[in-house]
N, C-alpha and C. Protein backbone atom coordinates (compact mmCIF):
# COMPACT_ATOMS: atom_id res chain seq x y z
N MET A 1 45.80 82.17 100.13
CA MET A 1 45.03 83.38 100.26
C MET A 1 45.76 84.56 99.61
N LEU A 2 47.07 84.69 99.88
CA LEU A 2 47.87 85.77 99.30
C LEU A 2 47.88 85.66 97.77
N ALA A 3 48.00 84.44 97.26
CA ALA A 3 48.02 84.24 95.81
C ALA A 3 46.71 84.72 95.18
N VAL A 4 45.59 84.45 95.84
CA VAL A 4 44.29 84.88 95.35
C VAL A 4 44.23 86.40 95.34
N ALA A 5 44.73 87.04 96.40
CA ALA A 5 44.72 88.51 96.48
C ALA A 5 45.59 89.11 95.39
N VAL A 6 46.75 88.53 95.16
CA VAL A 6 47.65 89.02 94.12
C VAL A 6 47.01 88.88 92.75
N MET A 7 46.37 87.73 92.49
CA MET A 7 45.72 87.51 91.21
C MET A 7 44.55 88.45 91.02
N ALA A 8 43.79 88.71 92.09
CA ALA A 8 42.64 89.60 92.02
C ALA A 8 43.07 91.02 91.67
N LEU A 9 44.24 91.43 92.14
CA LEU A 9 44.75 92.76 91.86
C LEU A 9 45.41 92.84 90.48
N GLY A 10 45.60 91.71 89.84
CA GLY A 10 46.26 91.69 88.54
C GLY A 10 47.75 91.92 88.63
N VAL A 11 48.32 91.70 89.80
CA VAL A 11 49.76 91.91 90.00
C VAL A 11 50.45 90.56 89.91
N VAL A 12 51.46 90.49 89.08
CA VAL A 12 52.22 89.25 88.95
C VAL A 12 53.63 89.53 89.44
N PRO A 13 54.10 88.79 90.46
CA PRO A 13 55.46 89.02 90.93
C PRO A 13 56.48 88.74 89.82
N ALA A 14 57.50 89.56 89.77
CA ALA A 14 58.55 89.37 88.76
C ALA A 14 59.32 88.09 89.04
N ALA A 15 59.57 87.35 87.99
CA ALA A 15 60.36 86.14 88.13
C ALA A 15 61.83 86.51 88.25
N ALA A 16 62.53 85.77 89.06
CA ALA A 16 63.97 86.01 89.20
C ALA A 16 64.68 85.54 87.94
N LYS A 17 65.68 86.29 87.53
CA LYS A 17 66.48 85.95 86.35
C LYS A 17 67.94 86.10 86.71
N THR A 18 68.74 85.07 86.46
CA THR A 18 70.16 85.10 86.77
C THR A 18 70.96 85.31 85.50
N TYR A 19 71.91 86.25 85.59
CA TYR A 19 72.80 86.56 84.48
C TYR A 19 74.22 86.18 84.86
N ARG A 20 74.89 85.46 83.99
CA ARG A 20 76.32 85.17 84.16
C ARG A 20 77.07 86.31 83.50
N VAL A 21 77.95 86.94 84.23
CA VAL A 21 78.70 88.07 83.69
C VAL A 21 80.20 87.79 83.80
N SER A 22 80.94 88.31 82.84
CA SER A 22 82.39 88.22 82.89
C SER A 22 82.95 89.35 82.05
N GLY A 23 84.19 89.70 82.31
CA GLY A 23 84.81 90.76 81.55
C GLY A 23 86.04 91.28 82.24
N ARG A 24 86.32 92.54 82.01
CA ARG A 24 87.53 93.16 82.51
C ARG A 24 87.21 94.46 83.23
N GLN A 25 87.96 94.71 84.29
CA GLN A 25 87.88 95.95 85.05
C GLN A 25 89.16 96.74 84.74
N ILE A 26 89.00 98.01 84.35
CA ILE A 26 90.15 98.81 83.93
C ILE A 26 90.24 100.07 84.79
N PHE A 27 91.37 100.23 85.47
CA PHE A 27 91.64 101.43 86.25
C PHE A 27 92.78 102.19 85.55
N PRO A 28 92.45 103.27 84.82
CA PRO A 28 93.49 104.00 84.11
C PRO A 28 94.56 104.57 85.03
N ASP A 29 94.15 104.99 86.23
CA ASP A 29 95.10 105.53 87.20
C ASP A 29 94.99 104.69 88.47
N PRO A 30 96.01 103.86 88.78
CA PRO A 30 95.92 102.98 89.95
C PRO A 30 95.84 103.74 91.27
N ASN A 31 96.08 105.04 91.26
CA ASN A 31 95.99 105.84 92.48
C ASN A 31 94.61 106.45 92.69
N LYS A 32 93.68 106.21 91.76
CA LYS A 32 92.32 106.73 91.89
C LYS A 32 91.36 105.55 92.02
N PRO A 33 90.30 105.70 92.84
CA PRO A 33 89.41 104.57 93.12
C PRO A 33 88.33 104.30 92.08
N THR A 34 88.37 104.97 90.92
CA THR A 34 87.32 104.81 89.92
C THR A 34 87.86 104.20 88.65
N GLY A 35 87.15 103.16 88.17
CA GLY A 35 87.55 102.48 86.95
C GLY A 35 86.36 102.17 86.07
N LYS A 36 86.64 101.49 84.97
CA LYS A 36 85.62 101.16 83.97
C LYS A 36 85.43 99.65 83.93
N MET A 37 84.17 99.22 83.77
CA MET A 37 83.85 97.81 83.61
C MET A 37 83.48 97.56 82.15
N THR A 38 84.05 96.50 81.56
CA THR A 38 83.72 96.10 80.20
C THR A 38 83.28 94.65 80.22
N GLY A 39 82.62 94.21 79.16
CA GLY A 39 82.13 92.83 79.10
C GLY A 39 80.68 92.77 79.51
N GLY A 40 80.34 91.82 80.36
CA GLY A 40 78.96 91.63 80.80
C GLY A 40 78.42 92.78 81.64
N LEU A 41 79.30 93.48 82.33
CA LEU A 41 78.93 94.70 83.05
C LEU A 41 79.56 95.87 82.32
N ARG A 42 78.77 96.90 82.04
CA ARG A 42 79.29 98.11 81.38
C ARG A 42 78.97 99.29 82.28
N GLY A 43 80.02 100.00 82.66
CA GLY A 43 79.78 101.17 83.50
C GLY A 43 81.00 101.52 84.33
N THR A 44 80.74 102.15 85.46
CA THR A 44 81.79 102.68 86.33
C THR A 44 81.84 101.90 87.63
N TRP A 45 83.06 101.58 88.07
CA TRP A 45 83.31 100.88 89.34
C TRP A 45 84.06 101.85 90.24
N THR A 46 83.58 102.03 91.47
CA THR A 46 84.20 102.98 92.39
C THR A 46 84.45 102.32 93.73
N GLY A 47 85.69 102.40 94.21
CA GLY A 47 86.01 101.96 95.56
C GLY A 47 85.53 103.02 96.54
N THR A 48 84.77 102.61 97.56
CA THR A 48 84.23 103.58 98.51
C THR A 48 84.85 103.45 99.90
N ASN A 49 85.46 102.30 100.19
CA ASN A 49 86.10 102.10 101.49
C ASN A 49 87.14 100.98 101.34
N PHE A 50 88.30 101.16 101.97
CA PHE A 50 89.36 100.16 101.90
C PHE A 50 90.05 100.10 103.25
N GLU A 51 90.23 98.87 103.75
CA GLU A 51 90.91 98.67 105.03
C GLU A 51 91.81 97.44 104.94
N MET A 52 93.11 97.65 105.20
CA MET A 52 94.05 96.53 105.26
C MET A 52 93.75 95.76 106.54
N THR A 53 93.50 94.47 106.43
CA THR A 53 93.15 93.68 107.62
C THR A 53 94.29 92.81 108.10
N ALA A 54 95.24 92.48 107.22
CA ALA A 54 96.39 91.68 107.65
C ALA A 54 97.53 91.83 106.66
N GLU A 55 98.70 92.02 107.19
CA GLU A 55 99.92 92.00 106.38
C GLU A 55 100.78 90.89 106.96
N ALA A 56 100.58 89.69 106.43
CA ALA A 56 101.27 88.51 106.93
C ALA A 56 102.01 87.87 105.78
N PRO A 57 103.24 88.32 105.52
CA PRO A 57 103.97 87.79 104.37
C PRO A 57 103.88 86.27 104.30
N PRO A 58 103.64 85.74 103.12
CA PRO A 58 103.70 86.44 101.85
C PRO A 58 102.38 87.05 101.40
N LEU A 59 101.32 87.01 102.22
CA LEU A 59 100.01 87.50 101.78
C LEU A 59 99.60 88.78 102.49
N ASN A 60 98.86 89.62 101.76
CA ASN A 60 98.16 90.75 102.35
C ASN A 60 96.67 90.48 102.22
N GLU A 61 95.91 90.95 103.19
CA GLU A 61 94.46 90.82 103.15
C GLU A 61 93.86 92.19 103.39
N SER A 62 92.73 92.45 102.72
CA SER A 62 92.01 93.69 102.96
C SER A 62 90.53 93.47 102.73
N LYS A 63 89.75 94.46 103.14
CA LYS A 63 88.31 94.41 102.93
C LYS A 63 87.83 95.83 102.66
N GLY A 64 86.59 95.94 102.19
CA GLY A 64 86.05 97.26 101.93
C GLY A 64 84.71 97.19 101.23
N THR A 65 84.35 98.33 100.62
CA THR A 65 83.09 98.43 99.89
C THR A 65 83.34 99.09 98.54
N GLU A 66 82.48 98.76 97.58
CA GLU A 66 82.60 99.30 96.23
C GLU A 66 81.21 99.42 95.62
N THR A 67 81.11 100.27 94.60
CA THR A 67 79.83 100.49 93.91
C THR A 67 80.03 100.41 92.40
N PHE A 68 79.11 99.72 91.74
CA PHE A 68 79.06 99.67 90.28
C PHE A 68 77.84 100.47 89.83
N SER A 69 78.01 101.30 88.82
CA SER A 69 76.91 102.05 88.23
C SER A 69 76.93 101.82 86.73
N GLY A 70 75.85 101.23 86.21
CA GLY A 70 75.82 100.92 84.78
C GLY A 70 74.75 99.91 84.46
N CYS A 71 75.10 98.96 83.57
CA CYS A 71 74.11 97.98 83.11
C CYS A 71 74.72 96.59 82.99
N ILE A 72 73.83 95.60 82.86
CA ILE A 72 74.23 94.25 82.44
C ILE A 72 74.03 94.23 80.94
N ASP A 73 75.09 94.07 80.19
CA ASP A 73 75.05 94.06 78.72
C ASP A 73 74.62 92.66 78.28
N ARG A 74 73.32 92.41 78.30
CA ARG A 74 72.78 91.07 78.04
C ARG A 74 73.15 90.52 76.67
N LYS A 75 73.18 91.39 75.65
CA LYS A 75 73.46 90.93 74.28
C LYS A 75 74.94 91.06 73.93
N ARG A 76 75.75 91.57 74.84
CA ARG A 76 77.18 91.81 74.59
C ARG A 76 77.38 92.64 73.32
N ASP A 77 76.52 93.68 73.16
CA ASP A 77 76.62 94.56 72.00
C ASP A 77 77.31 95.88 72.34
N LYS A 78 77.97 95.92 73.51
CA LYS A 78 78.70 97.11 73.97
C LYS A 78 77.80 98.32 74.11
N SER A 79 76.53 98.05 74.46
CA SER A 79 75.54 99.11 74.64
C SER A 79 74.65 98.75 75.83
N CYS A 80 74.14 99.76 76.50
CA CYS A 80 73.21 99.54 77.61
C CYS A 80 71.76 99.69 77.15
N LYS A 81 71.54 99.93 75.86
CA LYS A 81 70.19 100.14 75.34
C LYS A 81 69.33 98.90 75.60
N GLY A 82 68.22 99.11 76.33
CA GLY A 82 67.28 98.04 76.62
C GLY A 82 67.73 97.06 77.69
N ASP A 83 68.89 97.31 78.31
CA ASP A 83 69.41 96.40 79.33
C ASP A 83 69.10 96.90 80.74
N PRO A 84 69.10 96.01 81.74
CA PRO A 84 68.86 96.43 83.13
C PRO A 84 69.97 97.39 83.58
N LYS A 85 69.54 98.52 84.18
CA LYS A 85 70.49 99.55 84.62
C LYS A 85 70.24 99.91 86.08
N GLY A 86 71.28 100.40 86.72
CA GLY A 86 71.16 100.87 88.10
C GLY A 86 72.52 100.86 88.77
N THR A 87 72.49 100.76 90.09
CA THR A 87 73.73 100.64 90.85
C THR A 87 73.70 99.36 91.66
N LEU A 88 74.88 98.80 91.85
CA LEU A 88 75.07 97.63 92.72
C LEU A 88 76.12 98.01 93.75
N ASN A 89 75.84 97.70 95.00
CA ASN A 89 76.80 97.92 96.07
C ASN A 89 77.35 96.57 96.51
N PHE A 90 78.65 96.56 96.78
CA PHE A 90 79.36 95.33 97.14
C PHE A 90 80.20 95.54 98.39
N THR A 91 80.43 94.47 99.12
CA THR A 91 81.55 94.42 100.05
C THR A 91 82.61 93.59 99.32
N PHE A 92 83.85 93.63 99.80
CA PHE A 92 84.85 92.77 99.18
C PHE A 92 85.85 92.29 100.22
N LEU A 93 86.42 91.13 99.92
CA LEU A 93 87.55 90.57 100.65
C LEU A 93 88.63 90.34 99.61
N PHE A 94 89.85 90.83 99.86
CA PHE A 94 90.94 90.74 98.90
C PHE A 94 92.12 90.03 99.53
N TRP A 95 92.77 89.17 98.73
CA TRP A 95 94.01 88.52 99.13
C TRP A 95 95.00 88.74 98.01
N GLY A 96 96.22 89.12 98.35
CA GLY A 96 97.22 89.35 97.32
C GLY A 96 98.62 89.09 97.82
N MET A 97 99.51 88.90 96.86
CA MET A 97 100.92 88.70 97.18
C MET A 97 101.70 89.86 96.55
N PRO A 98 102.30 90.70 97.42
CA PRO A 98 103.06 91.82 96.88
C PRO A 98 104.34 91.35 96.20
N GLY A 99 104.80 92.16 95.23
CA GLY A 99 106.04 91.86 94.53
C GLY A 99 107.24 92.26 95.37
N ALA A 100 108.43 91.98 94.86
CA ALA A 100 109.67 92.29 95.57
C ALA A 100 109.92 93.80 95.65
N GLN A 101 109.44 94.55 94.65
CA GLN A 101 109.62 96.00 94.64
C GLN A 101 108.39 96.68 95.23
N PRO A 102 108.54 97.86 95.84
CA PRO A 102 107.37 98.58 96.38
C PRO A 102 106.32 98.83 95.29
N ASN A 103 105.06 98.77 95.70
CA ASN A 103 103.91 99.03 94.82
C ASN A 103 103.82 98.08 93.63
N THR A 104 104.26 96.85 93.80
CA THR A 104 104.12 95.84 92.75
C THR A 104 103.33 94.66 93.30
N THR A 105 102.74 93.88 92.41
CA THR A 105 101.91 92.75 92.80
C THR A 105 102.30 91.52 91.99
N LEU A 106 102.41 90.38 92.67
CA LEU A 106 102.61 89.11 91.97
C LEU A 106 101.26 88.53 91.54
N TRP A 107 100.24 88.65 92.41
CA TRP A 107 98.89 88.22 92.09
C TRP A 107 97.94 88.75 93.16
N GLY A 108 96.66 88.76 92.81
CA GLY A 108 95.62 89.15 93.75
C GLY A 108 94.29 88.55 93.34
N SER A 109 93.41 88.37 94.31
CA SER A 109 92.09 87.83 94.05
C SER A 109 91.12 88.39 95.07
N CYS A 110 89.87 88.64 94.65
CA CYS A 110 88.90 89.16 95.60
C CYS A 110 87.49 88.62 95.34
N TYR A 111 86.73 88.62 96.41
CA TYR A 111 85.37 88.09 96.48
C TYR A 111 84.44 89.27 96.74
N HIS A 112 83.42 89.48 95.88
CA HIS A 112 82.55 90.65 95.95
C HIS A 112 81.07 90.24 96.02
N PRO A 113 80.51 90.00 97.20
CA PRO A 113 79.07 89.74 97.27
C PRO A 113 78.28 91.05 97.16
N ILE A 114 77.14 90.99 96.48
CA ILE A 114 76.25 92.15 96.35
C ILE A 114 75.56 92.38 97.69
N THR A 115 75.52 93.64 98.14
CA THR A 115 74.83 93.97 99.38
C THR A 115 73.52 94.71 99.15
N SER A 116 73.41 95.46 98.04
CA SER A 116 72.18 96.17 97.72
C SER A 116 72.26 96.70 96.30
N GLY A 117 71.15 97.23 95.82
CA GLY A 117 71.12 97.81 94.49
C GLY A 117 69.99 98.80 94.33
N THR A 118 70.05 99.57 93.24
CA THR A 118 68.99 100.53 92.92
C THR A 118 68.59 100.33 91.46
N GLY A 119 67.50 100.99 91.07
CA GLY A 119 67.01 100.86 89.70
C GLY A 119 66.64 99.42 89.41
N ALA A 120 67.02 98.92 88.25
CA ALA A 120 66.72 97.53 87.88
C ALA A 120 67.45 96.54 88.78
N PHE A 121 68.44 97.02 89.54
CA PHE A 121 69.22 96.16 90.43
C PHE A 121 68.69 96.13 91.87
N ALA A 122 67.57 96.80 92.13
CA ALA A 122 66.98 96.75 93.48
C ALA A 122 66.62 95.30 93.81
N GLY A 123 67.03 94.83 94.96
CA GLY A 123 66.76 93.46 95.38
C GLY A 123 67.69 92.42 94.77
N ALA A 124 68.69 92.86 94.01
CA ALA A 124 69.61 91.91 93.35
C ALA A 124 70.45 91.17 94.38
N ASN A 125 70.89 89.99 94.00
CA ASN A 125 71.90 89.28 94.79
C ASN A 125 72.84 88.58 93.83
N GLY A 126 73.96 88.15 94.38
CA GLY A 126 74.96 87.48 93.57
C GLY A 126 76.35 87.78 94.06
N VAL A 127 77.33 87.28 93.32
CA VAL A 127 78.74 87.42 93.70
C VAL A 127 79.58 87.58 92.45
N LEU A 128 80.59 88.44 92.54
CA LEU A 128 81.62 88.54 91.50
C LEU A 128 82.93 88.09 92.11
N MET A 129 83.73 87.38 91.34
CA MET A 129 85.09 87.03 91.71
C MET A 129 86.01 87.75 90.75
N MET A 130 87.09 88.31 91.27
CA MET A 130 88.04 89.03 90.43
C MET A 130 89.45 88.49 90.66
N VAL A 131 90.24 88.49 89.59
CA VAL A 131 91.63 88.04 89.66
C VAL A 131 92.50 89.10 89.03
N ASP A 132 93.56 89.50 89.76
CA ASP A 132 94.52 90.48 89.28
C ASP A 132 95.76 89.76 88.78
N THR A 133 96.16 90.08 87.55
CA THR A 133 97.36 89.53 86.95
C THR A 133 98.30 90.69 86.65
N PRO A 134 99.56 90.63 87.13
CA PRO A 134 100.47 91.75 86.88
C PRO A 134 100.81 91.91 85.41
N ILE A 135 101.03 93.16 85.03
CA ILE A 135 101.42 93.49 83.66
C ILE A 135 102.80 94.13 83.73
N GLY A 136 103.71 93.68 82.90
CA GLY A 136 105.05 94.28 82.85
C GLY A 136 105.80 94.12 84.16
N ASP A 137 106.17 95.24 84.76
CA ASP A 137 106.97 95.22 85.98
C ASP A 137 106.13 95.00 87.25
N GLY A 138 104.84 94.80 87.12
CA GLY A 138 103.98 94.55 88.27
C GLY A 138 103.37 95.79 88.87
N THR A 139 103.67 96.99 88.33
CA THR A 139 103.08 98.22 88.88
C THR A 139 101.66 98.41 88.38
N LYS A 140 101.26 97.68 87.35
CA LYS A 140 99.89 97.69 86.85
C LYS A 140 99.39 96.26 86.85
N ALA A 141 98.07 96.12 86.92
CA ALA A 141 97.49 94.78 86.90
C ALA A 141 96.31 94.74 85.94
N ARG A 142 96.11 93.58 85.37
CA ARG A 142 94.92 93.31 84.56
C ARG A 142 93.94 92.60 85.49
N THR A 143 92.72 93.11 85.59
CA THR A 143 91.72 92.51 86.46
C THR A 143 90.60 91.92 85.61
N ASP A 144 90.40 90.61 85.73
CA ASP A 144 89.31 89.91 85.07
C ASP A 144 88.28 89.53 86.12
N TYR A 145 86.99 89.55 85.74
CA TYR A 145 85.94 89.17 86.68
C TYR A 145 85.00 88.15 86.05
N ILE A 146 84.33 87.41 86.92
CA ILE A 146 83.29 86.47 86.52
C ILE A 146 82.33 86.36 87.69
N GLY A 147 81.06 86.16 87.40
CA GLY A 147 80.10 86.02 88.49
C GLY A 147 78.68 85.84 87.99
N ASN A 148 77.77 85.82 88.94
CA ASN A 148 76.35 85.69 88.67
C ASN A 148 75.60 86.79 89.40
N ILE A 149 74.64 87.39 88.71
CA ILE A 149 73.79 88.42 89.30
C ILE A 149 72.35 88.01 89.07
N THR A 150 71.58 87.90 90.14
CA THR A 150 70.17 87.54 90.05
C THR A 150 69.33 88.77 90.31
N LEU A 151 68.47 89.12 89.36
CA LEU A 151 67.56 90.25 89.49
C LEU A 151 66.16 89.75 89.80
N GLY A 152 65.36 90.57 90.46
CA GLY A 152 64.01 90.16 90.84
C GLY A 152 64.05 89.09 91.90
N ALA A 153 65.07 89.15 92.73
CA ALA A 153 65.33 88.05 93.66
C ALA A 153 65.14 88.42 95.12
N ALA A 154 64.49 89.52 95.42
CA ALA A 154 64.38 89.97 96.81
C ALA A 154 63.81 88.88 97.72
N ALA A 155 62.83 88.15 97.25
CA ALA A 155 62.20 87.12 98.08
C ALA A 155 63.11 85.91 98.28
N ARG A 156 64.03 85.69 97.34
CA ARG A 156 64.90 84.51 97.42
C ARG A 156 66.23 84.82 98.09
N HIS A 157 66.49 86.08 98.42
CA HIS A 157 67.80 86.50 98.91
C HIS A 157 68.28 85.70 100.12
N LYS A 158 67.44 85.54 101.13
CA LYS A 158 67.88 84.84 102.36
C LYS A 158 68.19 83.37 102.08
N ALA A 159 67.39 82.72 101.27
CA ALA A 159 67.63 81.30 100.98
C ALA A 159 68.94 81.12 100.22
N THR A 160 69.20 82.00 99.26
CA THR A 160 70.44 81.93 98.49
C THR A 160 71.64 82.17 99.38
N ALA A 161 71.55 83.16 100.25
CA ALA A 161 72.65 83.47 101.16
C ALA A 161 72.93 82.29 102.09
N ALA A 162 71.89 81.63 102.56
CA ALA A 162 72.06 80.49 103.46
C ALA A 162 72.78 79.34 102.74
N ARG A 163 72.39 79.09 101.46
CA ARG A 163 73.06 78.03 100.70
C ARG A 163 74.53 78.37 100.46
N ALA A 164 74.82 79.63 100.18
CA ALA A 164 76.21 80.04 99.91
C ALA A 164 77.09 79.85 101.12
N MET A 165 76.54 79.98 102.31
CA MET A 165 77.33 79.85 103.53
C MET A 165 77.78 78.40 103.74
N ARG A 166 77.18 77.45 103.05
CA ARG A 166 77.53 76.04 103.23
C ARG A 166 78.72 75.62 102.39
N CYS A 167 79.25 76.49 101.54
CA CYS A 167 80.38 76.12 100.67
C CYS A 167 81.59 75.72 101.48
């Protein structure tokens, strides 16, 4: 019955489309919560909340929230022209091993599930994984990311989340 009503109105639900994204996250100043995303995501990444949850040597754990504002660079042409744009909100869980010197890192990794979005990202779901690799003396890190973002997926969100919980 609903399908007949939708067809009668000439409304066609948007099909879900999944994009595989990867690239680099760059924070010019490690003391500021705002950085740049390059690669499959182009735009600004901002930390909005951070909480240390465990300091149990040799590992530290933390959690928080972050926001991405920009686009999915579908053609990898370093432009957002014609690409889906908006904001994505994430929670994150981080695990890392601090270096021997203060403010240094041996390695770090974090899990970023999407919690909400705006613009073309409204109803989006997916996950990004990030890995921090120390550079030089460990006071700076190179952060690489990889993940999947599904747009037009509001109706599928609960089913996808349920499947992910079985990992």
